Each structure stands twice: as C-alpha cells, then as structure tokens.
Amino acid sequence: MICQADAVDGRVAVVTGAGSGIGAAAASALADAGWTVVLAGRRREPLTGLAAAHPDRMTVVPTDVGDEDAVRTLFATAVEQHGRVDLLVNNAGLAAPPREPDEVPLAEWQQVVDVNLTGVFLCTREAFGVMRRQDPQGGRIINNGSISATTPRPRSLAYTATKHAVTGLTKATALDGRPYRIACGQIDVGNAATAMTEPMAAGIPQPDGSVRAEPRMDVADVARAVVYMASLPLEANVLTMTVMATTMPFVGRG
C-alpha cells in the first residue's frame, strides 16, 4: 500500500498542461485552495515560473503526456515526493490548423490523437492505479473536454473526434472507478480567454461562412469550476459541466 499523507496537507493534485492557459489557472487556484500540486507540461520554464509563485505548494515534473515512460515517471515522482495522488486534472490538449477533412495529414491527425486522447488515457491509467492501491483508497479525475465534443467548429476533424472520445473515456472511468472510490468527471469549456483563443477576439470562421468575433470569459472562472469539482467529497461527483462565455455562439442557432 502507498502511505497515507498528512490529514491537513495531504491533498495532492497532478495537473497536466500546467504551463499556460487553463492548466496554469487551475493549478494556481488549487494551490490557493490548499492543494499540493504537481505541475506537468512539455516545457520546464513556464512550469518553474508558476511554481515560483507557490514555492511550498508546487512540484515541477516536465512531461510529454503522449510518452508512456514520461507519464509513468510523472506519477512515480508524485507518489515518491508526496505519498499519494488525490486528484488528476487531465488538461493537456492540442489543436490543429483548420482544414477540410480530405486535407488533414495523417501525421497531424496522429499528433492530436497522441495528446488529446492517448495522453488522457495514459495519465488516467497511472492515476487510477495509484488511487486504487493507496490508503485511504480513492481519488478524483477531472478531464478537460470541450463543447466541441458535441458541437464542432468548422474544419476541426481531429480536435472534435478526440474530444468526443474523451467523453467516452470519462464515462467509462467513472463507471470502473465505483468499486475503488474513484470519481471521474469532465468540464467542457467554451471560449476561455487564453493565448489559444486570442484569434476569437479578432474574428474566426462561423458555420455559415462568415467571420465574426466571439466573446470570451475570464480563465479564472474555469479554474474556480475545477476547484469546485475537486472540493466535493468522493461520494459526490460532477459527471459533466459546461462553462462558457454567456453570449458566445453556441446555444441555439448562434
């Protein structure tokens, strides 16, 4: 059995894609809420910069979530340094340039799948194993899905397919986690103000062929939603949550 952590400071979270955007905001909010946070991301520099602001609450483990060995090292390090893992935030994600379906290169498709789907699977597999065997048993996994899982944007074949698959992975993990006190939920985000969504403010293609600017919301509001999901007792779970800019073109006809 993995050892039990201290009752006060024992809540340990692993956040992937923590170097920027939603991941950085969620990691900071979790640390502010009292969590010890293991930061995972491809680039060490932004992780180190974030950890410097929370020196007693954050650990940096550079990780490519599509690399099986790297993901194993991530969770082994978390357990070695902190004793357990109580929360995984599967946030790492990758978009691709907009293309017609017949113009998507296989290498580009595979790259998106490797990060958005295989990366979520690899991290889920490792977290599930730790949570199932630790004492006290259990934990929570929060997957960053997307409203694109059910309502795609034009020319976004690979991104949409992977986010749709994450929904299935979320539900299967939630079901399989029941005997082990492992809860799994998904947060679907629409237009959080990050570097990735900056083009939305200038104008992006719409399904009707027009190009229009879209409203965005503060990324801190997404982070607050993640902290809420994480704060629930394991007897309660948010299976799916949509957090979106109120006036973005999503509900209804646009």
C-alpha atoms as a PDB file:
ATOM      1  CA  MET A   1       0.000   0.000   0.000  1.00  0.00           C
ATOM      2  CA  ILE A   2       1.068   3.583  -0.697  1.00  0.00           C
ATOM      3  CA  CYS A   3       1.439   5.500   2.545  1.00  0.00           C
ATOM      4  CA  GLN A   4      -1.243   7.809   3.874  1.00  0.00           C
ATOM      5  CA  ALA A   5      -0.445  11.523   3.643  1.00  0.00           C
ATOM      6  CA  ASP A   6      -0.922  14.065   6.404  1.00  0.00           C
ATOM      7  CA  ALA A   7      -4.593  14.813   7.011  1.00  0.00           C
ATOM      8  CA  VAL A   8      -4.202  18.589   6.626  1.00  0.00           C
ATOM      9  CA  ASP A   9      -1.690  18.961   3.821  1.00  0.00           C
ATOM     10  CA  GLY A  10      -2.234  15.601   2.187  1.00  0.00           C
ATOM     11  CA  ARG A  11      -4.357  16.574  -0.797  1.00  0.00           C
ATOM     12  CA  VAL A  12      -2.149  16.069  -3.831  1.00  0.00           C
ATOM     13  CA  ALA A  13      -3.147  17.042  -7.377  1.00  0.00           C
ATOM     14  CA  VAL A  14      -1.447  16.347 -10.697  1.00  0.00           C
ATOM     15  CA  VAL A  15      -2.270  18.912 -13.398  1.00  0.00           C
ATOM     16  CA  THR A  16      -1.186  18.326 -16.997  1.00  0.00           C
ATOM     17  CA  GLY A  17      -0.694  21.125 -19.493  1.00  0.00           C
ATOM     18  CA  ALA A  18       0.022  23.296 -16.467  1.00  0.00           C
ATOM     19  CA  GLY A  19       2.411  25.709 -18.144  1.00  0.00           C
ATOM     20  CA  SER A  20      -0.209  28.077 -19.528  1.00  0.00           C
ATOM     21  CA  GLY A  21      -3.882  28.794 -20.052  1.00  0.00           C
ATOM     22  CA  ILE A  22      -6.486  26.738 -18.216  1.00  0.00           C
ATOM     23  CA  GLY A  23      -3.886  24.400 -16.750  1.00  0.00           C
ATOM     24  CA  ALA A  24      -1.880  27.195 -15.142  1.00  0.00           C
ATOM     25  CA  ALA A  25      -5.016  28.895 -13.849  1.00  0.00           C
ATOM     26  CA  ALA A  26      -6.398  25.649 -12.407  1.00  0.00           C
ATOM     27  CA  ALA A  27      -3.072  24.731 -10.800  1.00  0.00           C
ATOM     28  CA  SER A  28      -2.800  28.159  -9.164  1.00  0.00           C
ATOM     29  CA  ALA A  29      -6.377  28.028  -7.905  1.00  0.00           C
ATOM     30  CA  LEU A  30      -5.869  24.550  -6.461  1.00  0.00           C
ATOM     31  CA  ALA A  31      -2.696  25.668  -4.692  1.00  0.00           C
ATOM     32  CA  ASP A  32      -4.519  28.694  -3.283  1.00  0.00           C
ATOM     33  CA  ALA A  33      -7.221  26.298  -2.030  1.00  0.00           C
ATOM     34  CA  GLY A  34      -4.650  24.281  -0.109  1.00  0.00           C
ATOM     35  CA  TRP A  35      -3.693  21.541  -2.548  1.00  0.00           C
ATOM     36  CA  THR A  36      -0.159  20.374  -3.175  1.00  0.00           C
ATOM     37  CA  VAL A  37       0.116  20.495  -6.975  1.00  0.00           C
ATOM     38  CA  VAL A  38       2.413  18.526  -9.272  1.00  0.00           C
ATOM     39  CA  LEU A  39       2.843  20.541 -12.463  1.00  0.00           C
ATOM     40  CA  ALA A  40       3.225  18.584 -15.703  1.00  0.00           C
ATOM     41  CA  GLY A  41       3.943  20.069 -19.112  1.00  0.00           C
ATOM     42  CA  ARG A  42       6.382  19.782 -22.000  1.00  0.00           C
ATOM     43  CA  ARG A  43       8.321  22.961 -21.242  1.00  0.00           C
ATOM     44  CA  ARG A  44      10.127  23.328 -17.932  1.00  0.00           C
ATOM     45  CA  GLU A  45      10.452  27.132 -17.964  1.00  0.00           C
ATOM     46  CA  PRO A  46       6.763  28.104 -17.620  1.00  0.00           C
ATOM     47  CA  LEU A  47       6.241  25.380 -15.011  1.00  0.00           C
ATOM     48  CA  THR A  48       9.165  26.701 -12.981  1.00  0.00           C
ATOM     49  CA  GLY A  49       7.854  30.239 -13.265  1.00  0.00           C
ATOM     50  CA  LEU A  50       4.443  29.180 -11.988  1.00  0.00           C
ATOM     51  CA  ALA A  51       5.923  27.156  -9.149  1.00  0.00           C
ATOM     52  CA  ALA A  52       7.987  30.164  -8.039  1.00  0.00           C
ATOM     53  CA  ALA A  53       4.749  31.904  -7.112  1.00  0.00           C
ATOM     54  CA  HIS A  54       3.709  28.950  -4.928  1.00  0.00           C
ATOM     55  CA  PRO A  55       7.055  27.640  -3.619  1.00  0.00           C
ATOM     56  CA  ASP A  56       5.575  25.495  -0.852  1.00  0.00           C
ATOM     57  CA  ARG A  57       2.695  24.102  -2.882  1.00  0.00           C
ATOM     58  CA  MET A  58       4.044  23.095  -6.287  1.00  0.00           C
ATOM     59  CA  THR A  59       6.393  20.486  -7.737  1.00  0.00           C
ATOM     60  CA  VAL A  60       7.630  20.621 -11.340  1.00  0.00           C
ATOM     61  CA  VAL A  61       7.813  17.438 -13.442  1.00  0.00           C
ATOM     62  CA  PRO A  62       8.283  18.183 -17.181  1.00  0.00           C
ATOM     63  CA  THR A  63       6.193  15.604 -19.034  1.00  0.00           C
ATOM     64  CA  ASP A  64       5.067  14.755 -22.545  1.00  0.00           C
ATOM     65  CA  VAL A  65       1.685  13.129 -21.861  1.00  0.00           C
ATOM     66  CA  GLY A  66       1.917  11.153 -25.098  1.00  0.00           C
ATOM     67  CA  ASP A  67       5.070   9.401 -23.855  1.00  0.00           C
ATOM     68  CA  GLU A  68       4.237   6.314 -21.784  1.00  0.00           C
ATOM     69  CA  ASP A  69       7.526   6.283 -19.874  1.00  0.00           C
ATOM     70  CA  ALA A  70       7.287  10.001 -19.115  1.00  0.00           C
ATOM     71  CA  VAL A  71       3.778   9.595 -17.713  1.00  0.00           C
ATOM     72  CA  ARG A  72       4.890   6.701 -15.520  1.00  0.00           C
ATOM     73  CA  THR A  73       7.731   8.854 -14.220  1.00  0.00           C
ATOM     74  CA  LEU A  74       5.297  11.705 -13.516  1.00  0.00           C
ATOM     75  CA  PHE A  75       3.128   9.624 -11.201  1.00  0.00           C
ATOM     76  CA  ALA A  76       6.037   7.765  -9.638  1.00  0.00           C
ATOM     77  CA  THR A  77       7.566  11.143  -8.777  1.00  0.00           C
ATOM     78  CA  ALA A  78       4.289  12.433  -7.335  1.00  0.00           C
ATOM     79  CA  VAL A  79       4.000   9.400  -5.070  1.00  0.00           C
ATOM     80  CA  GLU A  80       7.664   9.423  -4.112  1.00  0.00           C
ATOM     81  CA  GLN A  81       7.606  13.089  -3.121  1.00  0.00           C
ATOM     82  CA  HIS A  82       4.091  13.421  -1.699  1.00  0.00           C
ATOM     83  CA  GLY A  83       2.921   9.933  -0.780  1.00  0.00           C
ATOM     84  CA  ARG A  84      -0.278   9.769  -2.839  1.00  0.00           C
ATOM     85  CA  VAL A  85      -2.366  11.311  -5.641  1.00  0.00           C
ATOM     86  CA  ASP A  86      -5.860  12.549  -4.785  1.00  0.00           C
ATOM     87  CA  LEU A  87      -6.659  14.424  -7.980  1.00  0.00           C
ATOM     88  CA  LEU A  88      -5.686  14.305 -11.635  1.00  0.00           C
ATOM     89  CA  VAL A  89      -6.647  17.194 -13.903  1.00  0.00           C
ATOM     90  CA  ASN A  90      -6.243  15.928 -17.468  1.00  0.00           C
ATOM     91  CA  ASN A  91      -5.848  19.321 -19.092  1.00  0.00           C
ATOM     92  CA  ALA A  92      -3.104  18.934 -21.710  1.00  0.00           C
ATOM     93  CA  GLY A  93      -4.555  19.443 -25.171  1.00  0.00           C
ATOM     94  CA  LEU A  94      -3.603  20.294 -28.715  1.00  0.00           C
ATOM     95  CA  ALA A  95      -5.497  21.962 -31.536  1.00  0.00           C
ATOM     96  CA  ALA A  96      -4.629  21.842 -35.236  1.00  0.00           C
ATOM     97  CA  PRO A  97      -4.906  24.303 -38.133  1.00  0.00           C
ATOM     98  CA  PRO A  98      -8.396  24.378 -39.672  1.00  0.00           C
ATOM     99  CA  ARG A  99      -8.525  22.074 -42.708  1.00  0.00           C
ATOM    100  CA  GLU A 100     -11.066  20.407 -44.929  1.00  0.00           C
ATOM    101  CA  PRO A 101     -11.420  16.729 -43.943  1.00  0.00           C
ATOM    102  CA  ASP A 102      -9.708  15.494 -47.116  1.00  0.00           C
ATOM    103  CA  GLU A 103      -6.697  17.736 -46.453  1.00  0.00           C
ATOM    104  CA  VAL A 104      -5.802  16.539 -42.924  1.00  0.00           C
ATOM    105  CA  PRO A 105      -2.310  14.946 -42.970  1.00  0.00           C
ATOM    106  CA  LEU A 106      -2.051  11.662 -41.111  1.00  0.00           C
ATOM    107  CA  ALA A 107       0.898  12.952 -39.062  1.00  0.00           C
ATOM    108  CA  GLU A 108      -1.157  15.925 -37.892  1.00  0.00           C
ATOM    109  CA  TRP A 109      -4.116  13.682 -37.016  1.00  0.00           C
ATOM    110  CA  GLN A 110      -1.829  11.366 -35.056  1.00  0.00           C
ATOM    111  CA  GLN A 111      -0.244  14.245 -33.148  1.00  0.00           C
ATOM    112  CA  VAL A 112      -3.638  15.496 -31.964  1.00  0.00           C
ATOM    113  CA  VAL A 113      -4.714  11.965 -31.019  1.00  0.00           C
ATOM    114  CA  ASP A 114      -1.459  11.370 -29.131  1.00  0.00           C
ATOM    115  CA  VAL A 115      -2.003  14.390 -26.874  1.00  0.00           C
ATOM    116  CA  ASN A 116      -5.769  14.770 -26.608  1.00  0.00           C
ATOM    117  CA  LEU A 117      -6.735  11.121 -26.324  1.00  0.00           C
ATOM    118  CA  THR A 118      -3.747   8.849 -25.735  1.00  0.00           C
ATOM    119  CA  GLY A 119      -2.327  11.350 -23.248  1.00  0.00           C
ATOM    120  CA  VAL A 120      -5.585  11.369 -21.291  1.00  0.00           C
ATOM    121  CA  PHE A 121      -5.641   7.562 -21.337  1.00  0.00           C
ATOM    122  CA  LEU A 122      -2.037   7.217 -20.162  1.00  0.00           C
ATOM    123  CA  CYS A 123      -2.479   9.685 -17.303  1.00  0.00           C
ATOM    124  CA  THR A 124      -5.813   8.155 -16.330  1.00  0.00           C
ATOM    125  CA  ARG A 125      -4.303   4.674 -16.291  1.00  0.00           C
ATOM    126  CA  GLU A 126      -1.458   5.700 -13.997  1.00  0.00           C
ATOM    127  CA  ALA A 127      -3.653   7.795 -11.695  1.00  0.00           C
ATOM    128  CA  PHE A 128      -6.255   5.037 -11.456  1.00  0.00           C
ATOM    129  CA  GLY A 129      -3.593   2.541 -10.405  1.00  0.00           C
ATOM    130  CA  VAL A 130      -2.239   4.844  -7.711  1.00  0.00           C
ATOM    131  CA  MET A 131      -5.701   5.743  -6.413  1.00  0.00           C
ATOM    132  CA  ARG A 132      -6.862   2.129  -6.339  1.00  0.00           C
ATOM    133  CA  ARG A 133      -3.889   0.984  -4.267  1.00  0.00           C
ATOM    134  CA  GLN A 134      -3.273   3.899  -1.911  1.00  0.00           C
ATOM    135  CA  ASP A 135      -4.539   4.194   1.655  1.00  0.00           C
ATOM    136  CA  PRO A 136      -7.051   5.761   2.077  1.00  0.00           C
ATOM    137  CA  GLN A 137      -8.227   4.417  -1.266  1.00  0.00           C
ATOM    138  CA  GLY A 138      -9.699   6.603  -3.977  1.00  0.00           C
ATOM    139  CA  GLY A 139      -9.374   9.945  -5.705  1.00  0.00           C
ATOM    140  CA  ARG A 140     -10.819  12.086  -8.463  1.00  0.00           C
ATOM    141  CA  ILE A 141     -10.045  12.570 -12.150  1.00  0.00           C
ATOM    142  CA  ILE A 142     -11.234  15.686 -13.991  1.00  0.00           C
ATOM    143  CA  ASN A 143     -10.936  15.644 -17.773  1.00  0.00           C
ATOM    144  CA  ASN A 144     -10.835  18.863 -19.771  1.00  0.00           C
ATOM    145  CA  GLY A 145     -13.175  18.083 -22.627  1.00  0.00           C
ATOM    146  CA  SER A 146     -14.657  20.748 -24.883  1.00  0.00           C
ATOM    147  CA  ILE A 147     -18.013  21.946 -26.127  1.00  0.00           C
ATOM    148  CA  SER A 148     -16.595  20.838 -29.482  1.00  0.00           C
ATOM    149  CA  ALA A 149     -17.156  17.238 -28.339  1.00  0.00           C
ATOM    150  CA  THR A 150     -20.818  17.632 -29.310  1.00  0.00           C
ATOM    151  CA  THR A 151     -20.880  20.922 -31.257  1.00  0.00           C
ATOM    152  CA  PRO A 152     -17.852  21.083 -33.572  1.00  0.00           C
ATOM    153  CA  ARG A 153     -16.361  24.110 -35.205  1.00  0.00           C
ATOM    154  CA  PRO A 154     -15.829  24.126 -38.965  1.00  0.00           C
ATOM    155  CA  ARG A 155     -12.800  22.189 -40.241  1.00  0.00           C
ATOM    156  CA  SER A 156     -11.806  20.714 -36.875  1.00  0.00           C
ATOM    157  CA  LEU A 157     -11.971  16.985 -37.587  1.00  0.00           C
ATOM    158  CA  ALA A 158      -9.127  15.730 -35.381  1.00  0.00           C
ATOM    159  CA  TYR A 159      -9.818  18.016 -32.423  1.00  0.00           C
ATOM    160  CA  THR A 160     -13.539  17.246 -32.420  1.00  0.00           C
ATOM    161  CA  ALA A 161     -13.027  13.496 -32.722  1.00  0.00           C
ATOM    162  CA  THR A 162     -10.580  13.379 -29.828  1.00  0.00           C
ATOM    163  CA  LYS A 163     -12.724  15.497 -27.535  1.00  0.00           C
ATOM    164  CA  HIS A 164     -15.748  13.345 -28.347  1.00  0.00           C
ATOM    165  CA  ALA A 165     -13.660  10.295 -27.402  1.00  0.00           C
ATOM    166  CA  VAL A 166     -12.656  11.914 -24.100  1.00  0.00           C
ATOM    167  CA  THR A 167     -16.341  11.969 -23.138  1.00  0.00           C
ATOM    168  CA  GLY A 168     -16.492   8.212 -23.575  1.00  0.00           C
ATOM    169  CA  LEU A 169     -13.288   7.789 -21.601  1.00  0.00           C
ATOM    170  CA  THR A 170     -14.735   9.946 -18.808  1.00  0.00           C
ATOM    171  CA  LYS A 171     -17.889   7.866 -18.502  1.00  0.00           C
ATOM    172  CA  ALA A 172     -16.043   4.541 -18.667  1.00  0.00           C
ATOM    173  CA  THR A 173     -13.601   5.696 -15.981  1.00  0.00           C
ATOM    174  CA  ALA A 174     -16.448   6.899 -13.772  1.00  0.00           C
ATOM    175  CA  LEU A 175     -18.116   3.504 -14.076  1.00  0.00           C
ATOM    176  CA  ASP A 176     -14.959   1.462 -13.490  1.00  0.00           C
ATOM    177  CA  GLY A 177     -13.956   3.668 -10.579  1.00  0.00           C
ATOM    178  CA  ARG A 178     -17.035   2.945  -8.490  1.00  0.00           C
ATOM    179  CA  PRO A 179     -15.617  -0.025  -6.526  1.00  0.00           C
ATOM    180  CA  TYR A 180     -12.477   1.937  -5.636  1.00  0.00           C
ATOM    181  CA  ARG A 181     -13.884   5.357  -4.608  1.00  0.00           C
ATOM    182  CA  ILE A 182     -12.504   6.898  -7.802  1.00  0.00           C
ATOM    183  CA  ALA A 183     -14.736   9.639  -9.189  1.00  0.00           C
ATOM    184  CA  CYS A 184     -14.327  10.932 -12.731  1.00  0.00           C
ATOM    185  CA  GLY A 185     -15.929  13.966 -14.316  1.00  0.00           C
ATOM    186  CA  GLN A 186     -15.487  16.236 -17.300  1.00  0.00           C
ATOM    187  CA  ILE A 187     -15.503  20.008 -17.723  1.00  0.00           C
ATOM    188  CA  ASP A 188     -16.401  21.313 -21.186  1.00  0.00           C
ATOM    189  CA  VAL A 189     -15.101  24.819 -21.715  1.00  0.00           C
ATOM    190  CA  GLY A 190     -16.298  27.382 -24.221  1.00  0.00           C
ATOM    191  CA  ASN A 191     -14.145  30.425 -25.059  1.00  0.00           C
ATOM    192  CA  ALA A 192     -11.932  30.902 -22.025  1.00  0.00           C
ATOM    193  CA  ALA A 193      -9.594  33.854 -22.546  1.00  0.00           C
ATOM    194  CA  THR A 194      -6.213  32.191 -23.096  1.00  0.00           C
ATOM    195  CA  ALA A 195      -3.477  32.558 -25.690  1.00  0.00           C
ATOM    196  CA  MET A 196      -5.053  29.699 -27.641  1.00  0.00           C
ATOM    197  CA  THR A 197      -8.331  31.603 -28.065  1.00  0.00           C
ATOM    198  CA  GLU A 198      -6.914  35.036 -28.890  1.00  0.00           C
ATOM    199  CA  PRO A 199      -7.969  34.732 -32.563  1.00  0.00           C
ATOM    200  CA  MET A 200     -11.587  34.633 -31.379  1.00  0.00           C
ATOM    201  CA  ALA A 201     -11.385  38.244 -30.295  1.00  0.00           C
ATOM    202  CA  ALA A 202     -10.342  39.298 -33.805  1.00  0.00           C
ATOM    203  CA  GLY A 203     -12.814  37.085 -35.644  1.00  0.00           C
ATOM    204  CA  ILE A 204     -12.998  33.404 -36.575  1.00  0.00           C
ATOM    205  CA  PRO A 205     -14.933  31.448 -39.217  1.00  0.00           C
ATOM    206  CA  GLN A 206     -18.525  30.519 -38.441  1.00  0.00           C
ATOM    207  CA  PRO A 207     -20.540  27.601 -39.874  1.00  0.00           C
ATOM    208  CA  ASP A 208     -22.417  29.978 -42.195  1.00  0.00           C
ATOM    209  CA  GLY A 209     -19.149  31.064 -43.821  1.00  0.00           C
ATOM    210  CA  SER A 210     -18.946  34.432 -42.098  1.00  0.00           C
ATOM    211  CA  VAL A 211     -16.085  35.597 -39.880  1.00  0.00           C
ATOM    212  CA  ARG A 212     -17.094  37.100 -36.557  1.00  0.00           C
ATOM    213  CA  ALA A 213     -15.500  37.985 -33.249  1.00  0.00           C
ATOM    214  CA  GLU A 214     -16.651  35.872 -30.323  1.00  0.00           C
ATOM    215  CA  PRO A 215     -16.947  36.816 -26.645  1.00  0.00           C
ATOM    216  CA  ARG A 216     -14.552  35.165 -24.211  1.00  0.00           C
ATOM    217  CA  MET A 217     -14.649  34.671 -20.445  1.00  0.00           C
ATOM    218  CA  ASP A 218     -12.014  35.018 -17.755  1.00  0.00           C
ATOM    219  CA  VAL A 219      -9.962  31.815 -17.456  1.00  0.00           C
ATOM    220  CA  ALA A 220     -10.116  32.264 -13.673  1.00  0.00           C
ATOM    221  CA  ASP A 221     -13.797  31.320 -13.829  1.00  0.00           C
ATOM    222  CA  VAL A 222     -12.861  27.972 -15.370  1.00  0.00           C
ATOM    223  CA  ALA A 223     -10.293  27.469 -12.623  1.00  0.00           C
ATOM    224  CA  ARG A 224     -12.932  28.141  -9.983  1.00  0.00           C
ATOM    225  CA  ALA A 225     -15.146  25.487 -11.560  1.00  0.00           C
ATOM    226  CA  VAL A 226     -12.290  22.972 -11.428  1.00  0.00           C
ATOM    227  CA  VAL A 227     -11.694  23.760  -7.750  1.00  0.00           C
ATOM    228  CA  TYR A 228     -15.399  23.263  -7.045  1.00  0.00           C
ATOM    229  CA  MET A 229     -15.401  19.849  -8.739  1.00  0.00           C
ATOM    230  CA  ALA A 230     -12.242  18.908  -6.850  1.00  0.00           C
ATOM    231  CA  SER A 231     -13.656  20.055  -3.499  1.00  0.00           C
ATOM    232  CA  LEU A 232     -16.562  17.607  -3.476  1.00  0.00           C
ATOM    233  CA  PRO A 233     -16.402  14.533  -1.246  1.00  0.00           C
ATOM    234  CA  LEU A 234     -15.822  11.319  -3.204  1.00  0.00           C
ATOM    235  CA  GLU A 235     -19.433  10.371  -2.522  1.00  0.00           C
ATOM    236  CA  ALA A 236     -20.473  13.167  -4.904  1.00  0.00           C
ATOM    237  CA  ASN A 237     -19.396  13.795  -8.489  1.00  0.00           C
ATOM    238  CA  VAL A 238     -19.937  16.314 -11.258  1.00  0.00           C
ATOM    239  CA  LEU A 239     -20.037  13.962 -14.238  1.00  0.00           C
ATOM    240  CA  THR A 240     -20.195  16.755 -16.817  1.00  0.00           C
ATOM    241  CA  MET A 241     -20.089  20.523 -16.541  1.00  0.00           C
ATOM    242  CA  THR A 242     -20.222  23.173 -19.261  1.00  0.00           C
ATOM    243  CA  VAL A 243     -18.586  26.514 -18.500  1.00  0.00           C
ATOM    244  CA  MET A 244     -18.848  29.026 -21.326  1.00  0.00           C
ATOM    245  CA  ALA A 245     -18.861  32.682 -22.233  1.00  0.00           C
ATOM    246  CA  THR A 246     -22.512  33.621 -21.769  1.00  0.00           C
ATOM    247  CA  THR A 247     -23.048  35.278 -25.154  1.00  0.00           C
ATOM    248  CA  MET A 248     -20.815  33.119 -27.358  1.00  0.00           C
ATOM    249  CA  PRO A 249     -22.445  31.490 -30.405  1.00  0.00           C
ATOM    250  CA  PHE A 250     -23.186  28.043 -29.038  1.00  0.00           C
ATOM    251  CA  VAL A 251     -26.740  27.684 -27.745  1.00  0.00           C
ATOM    252  CA  GLY A 252     -29.448  27.647 -30.379  1.00  0.00           C
ATOM    253  CA  ARG A 253     -28.628  28.916 -33.873  1.00  0.00           C
ATOM    254  CA  GLY A 254     -25.643  31.072 -32.952  1.00  0.00           C
END
